[in-house]
Amino acid sequence: MALTRNVKETVRARMERDPGFRQALLEEGVERLLAGEVDLGKAVLRDYVNATIGFQELGDLTAKSPKSLMRMLGPDGNPQARHLFKIISCLQERAGLELKVHALR
């Protein structure tokens, strides 16, 4: 029988070795939020945090408890906009990125 890996483990492994993939995942999470797909955006950001800095370090950066952050980005989480934008800001800074919004028609 062939061995299989959990999807999250596969994503984490790719993120560790591929900076472009890490950047694309962060961009996708923010794009989903802006498109009104809040649950998907939170899920992508949660996966990004788990595979990069972790909730403990994010908690240190945002002055929020890691458990609170996990709940915010969880399926039933309903973070306030200021908390969500703080999370995104910290993730960008930590990744050395500056995401920009461009209007398209």
C-alpha atoms as a PDB file:
ATOM      1  CA  MET A   1       0.000   0.000   0.000  1.00  0.00           C
ATOM      2  CA  ALA A   2       1.298   3.460  -0.906  1.00  0.00           C
ATOM      3  CA  LEU A   3       1.986   5.939   1.840  1.00  0.00           C
ATOM      4  CA  THR A   4       0.061   9.192   1.652  1.00  0.00           C
ATOM      5  CA  ARG A   5       0.619  12.471   3.399  1.00  0.00           C
ATOM      6  CA  ASN A   6      -1.929  14.720   4.946  1.00  0.00           C
ATOM      7  CA  VAL A   7      -2.693  17.710   2.693  1.00  0.00           C
ATOM      8  CA  LYS A   8      -1.681  20.150   5.425  1.00  0.00           C
ATOM      9  CA  GLU A   9       1.661  18.373   5.823  1.00  0.00           C
ATOM     10  CA  THR A  10       2.209  18.573   2.071  1.00  0.00           C
ATOM     11  CA  VAL A  11       1.386  22.298   2.028  1.00  0.00           C
ATOM     12  CA  ARG A  12       3.665  22.922   5.001  1.00  0.00           C
ATOM     13  CA  ALA A  13       6.550  21.058   3.353  1.00  0.00           C
ATOM     14  CA  ARG A  14       6.145  23.042   0.126  1.00  0.00           C
ATOM     15  CA  MET A  15       5.951  26.330   2.011  1.00  0.00           C
ATOM     16  CA  GLU A  16       9.204  25.521   3.799  1.00  0.00           C
ATOM     17  CA  ARG A  17      11.067  25.010   0.539  1.00  0.00           C
ATOM     18  CA  ASP A  18       9.296  27.429  -1.828  1.00  0.00           C
ATOM     19  CA  PRO A  19       9.190  31.157  -0.942  1.00  0.00           C
ATOM     20  CA  GLY A  20       7.038  31.887  -4.001  1.00  0.00           C
ATOM     21  CA  PHE A  21       4.429  29.444  -2.781  1.00  0.00           C
ATOM     22  CA  ARG A  22       4.451  31.061   0.681  1.00  0.00           C
ATOM     23  CA  GLN A  23       3.872  34.470  -0.875  1.00  0.00           C
ATOM     24  CA  ALA A  24       1.112  33.137  -3.144  1.00  0.00           C
ATOM     25  CA  LEU A  25      -0.683  31.558  -0.190  1.00  0.00           C
ATOM     26  CA  LEU A  26      -0.645  34.807   1.794  1.00  0.00           C
ATOM     27  CA  GLU A  27      -1.872  36.711  -1.267  1.00  0.00           C
ATOM     28  CA  GLU A  28      -4.642  34.158  -1.818  1.00  0.00           C
ATOM     29  CA  GLY A  29      -5.846  34.427   1.764  1.00  0.00           C
ATOM     30  CA  VAL A  30      -6.122  38.203   1.544  1.00  0.00           C
ATOM     31  CA  GLU A  31      -7.727  38.059  -1.912  1.00  0.00           C
ATOM     32  CA  ARG A  32     -10.382  35.632  -0.644  1.00  0.00           C
ATOM     33  CA  LEU A  33     -11.172  37.997   2.241  1.00  0.00           C
ATOM     34  CA  LEU A  34     -11.481  40.954  -0.131  1.00  0.00           C
ATOM     35  CA  ALA A  35     -13.729  38.892  -2.416  1.00  0.00           C
ATOM     36  CA  GLY A  36     -16.112  38.285   0.487  1.00  0.00           C
ATOM     37  CA  GLU A  37     -15.109  34.648   0.924  1.00  0.00           C
ATOM     38  CA  VAL A  38     -14.337  35.181   4.591  1.00  0.00           C
ATOM     39  CA  ASP A  39     -14.360  31.545   5.695  1.00  0.00           C
ATOM     40  CA  LEU A  40     -11.991  30.507   2.915  1.00  0.00           C
ATOM     41  CA  GLY A  41      -9.742  33.513   3.514  1.00  0.00           C
ATOM     42  CA  LYS A  42      -9.505  32.737   7.233  1.00  0.00           C
ATOM     43  CA  ALA A  43      -8.753  29.078   6.484  1.00  0.00           C
ATOM     44  CA  VAL A  44      -5.950  30.000   4.098  1.00  0.00           C
ATOM     45  CA  LEU A  45      -4.473  32.470   6.603  1.00  0.00           C
ATOM     46  CA  ARG A  46      -4.719  29.848   9.368  1.00  0.00           C
ATOM     47  CA  ASP A  47      -2.812  27.344   7.195  1.00  0.00           C
ATOM     48  CA  TYR A  48      -0.260  30.044   6.361  1.00  0.00           C
ATOM     49  CA  VAL A  49       0.312  30.865  10.044  1.00  0.00           C
ATOM     50  CA  ASN A  50       0.592  27.181  10.978  1.00  0.00           C
ATOM     51  CA  ALA A  51       3.151  26.565   8.244  1.00  0.00           C
ATOM     52  CA  THR A  52       5.233  29.687   8.860  1.00  0.00           C
ATOM     53  CA  ILE A  53       5.526  31.617  12.107  1.00  0.00           C
ATOM     54  CA  GLY A  54       3.005  29.753  14.237  1.00  0.00           C
ATOM     55  CA  PHE A  55       0.361  31.200  16.510  1.00  0.00           C
ATOM     56  CA  GLN A  56       2.720  31.747  19.442  1.00  0.00           C
ATOM     57  CA  GLU A  57       4.922  34.163  17.506  1.00  0.00           C
ATOM     58  CA  LEU A  58       1.888  35.795  15.870  1.00  0.00           C
ATOM     59  CA  GLY A  59       0.487  36.308  19.358  1.00  0.00           C
ATOM     60  CA  ASP A  60       3.697  38.040  20.401  1.00  0.00           C
ATOM     61  CA  LEU A  61       3.557  40.293  17.329  1.00  0.00           C
ATOM     62  CA  THR A  62      -0.123  41.205  17.725  1.00  0.00           C
ATOM     63  CA  ALA A  63      -0.276  41.296  21.538  1.00  0.00           C
ATOM     64  CA  LYS A  64      -3.095  38.723  21.391  1.00  0.00           C
ATOM     65  CA  SER A  65      -3.160  35.278  22.920  1.00  0.00           C
ATOM     66  CA  PRO A  66      -2.393  32.452  20.497  1.00  0.00           C
ATOM     67  CA  LYS A  67      -5.675  30.741  21.430  1.00  0.00           C
ATOM     68  CA  SER A  68      -7.622  33.903  20.650  1.00  0.00           C
ATOM     69  CA  LEU A  69      -5.904  34.152  17.259  1.00  0.00           C
ATOM     70  CA  MET A  70      -6.667  30.490  16.522  1.00  0.00           C
ATOM     71  CA  ARG A  71     -10.331  31.108  17.318  1.00  0.00           C
ATOM     72  CA  MET A  72     -10.412  34.244  15.150  1.00  0.00           C
ATOM     73  CA  LEU A  73      -9.110  32.339  12.144  1.00  0.00           C
ATOM     74  CA  GLY A  74     -11.097  29.192  12.946  1.00  0.00           C
ATOM     75  CA  PRO A  75     -14.305  28.127  11.183  1.00  0.00           C
ATOM     76  CA  ASP A  76     -16.553  29.780  13.769  1.00  0.00           C
ATOM     77  CA  GLY A  77     -14.316  32.797  14.334  1.00  0.00           C
ATOM     78  CA  ASN A  78     -15.617  36.286  13.718  1.00  0.00           C
ATOM     79  CA  PRO A  79     -12.636  38.612  14.101  1.00  0.00           C
ATOM     80  CA  GLN A  80     -13.079  42.351  14.209  1.00  0.00           C
ATOM     81  CA  ALA A  81     -11.658  44.079  11.145  1.00  0.00           C
ATOM     82  CA  ARG A  82      -8.940  45.801  13.173  1.00  0.00           C
ATOM     83  CA  HIS A  83      -7.717  42.446  14.513  1.00  0.00           C
ATOM     84  CA  LEU A  84      -7.799  40.848  11.080  1.00  0.00           C
ATOM     85  CA  PHE A  85      -5.868  43.741   9.530  1.00  0.00           C
ATOM     86  CA  LYS A  86      -3.333  43.619  12.376  1.00  0.00           C
ATOM     87  CA  ILE A  87      -2.802  39.911  11.684  1.00  0.00           C
ATOM     88  CA  ILE A  88      -2.316  40.592   7.966  1.00  0.00           C
ATOM     89  CA  SER A  89       0.042  43.480   8.692  1.00  0.00           C
ATOM     90  CA  CYS A  90       2.186  41.339  10.989  1.00  0.00           C
ATOM     91  CA  LEU A  91       2.279  38.477   8.469  1.00  0.00           C
ATOM     92  CA  GLN A  92       3.379  40.838   5.707  1.00  0.00           C
ATOM     93  CA  GLU A  93       6.064  42.394   7.867  1.00  0.00           C
ATOM     94  CA  ARG A  94       7.352  39.017   9.021  1.00  0.00           C
ATOM     95  CA  ALA A  95       7.453  37.754   5.403  1.00  0.00           C
ATOM     96  CA  GLY A  96       9.121  40.930   4.137  1.00  0.00           C
ATOM     97  CA  LEU A  97       6.201  41.619   1.804  1.00  0.00           C
ATOM     98  CA  GLU A  98       3.942  44.547   1.077  1.00  0.00           C
ATOM     99  CA  LEU A  99       0.639  43.499  -0.439  1.00  0.00           C
ATOM    100  CA  LYS A 100      -1.162  46.120  -2.517  1.00  0.00           C
ATOM    101  CA  VAL A 101      -4.727  46.300  -3.789  1.00  0.00           C
ATOM    102  CA  HIS A 102      -5.296  47.049  -7.476  1.00  0.00           C
ATOM    103  CA  ALA A 103      -8.685  47.888  -8.924  1.00  0.00           C
ATOM    104  CA  LEU A 104      -9.723  45.849 -11.970  1.00  0.00           C
ATOM    105  CA  ARG A 105     -12.705  46.226 -14.269  1.00  0.00           C
END
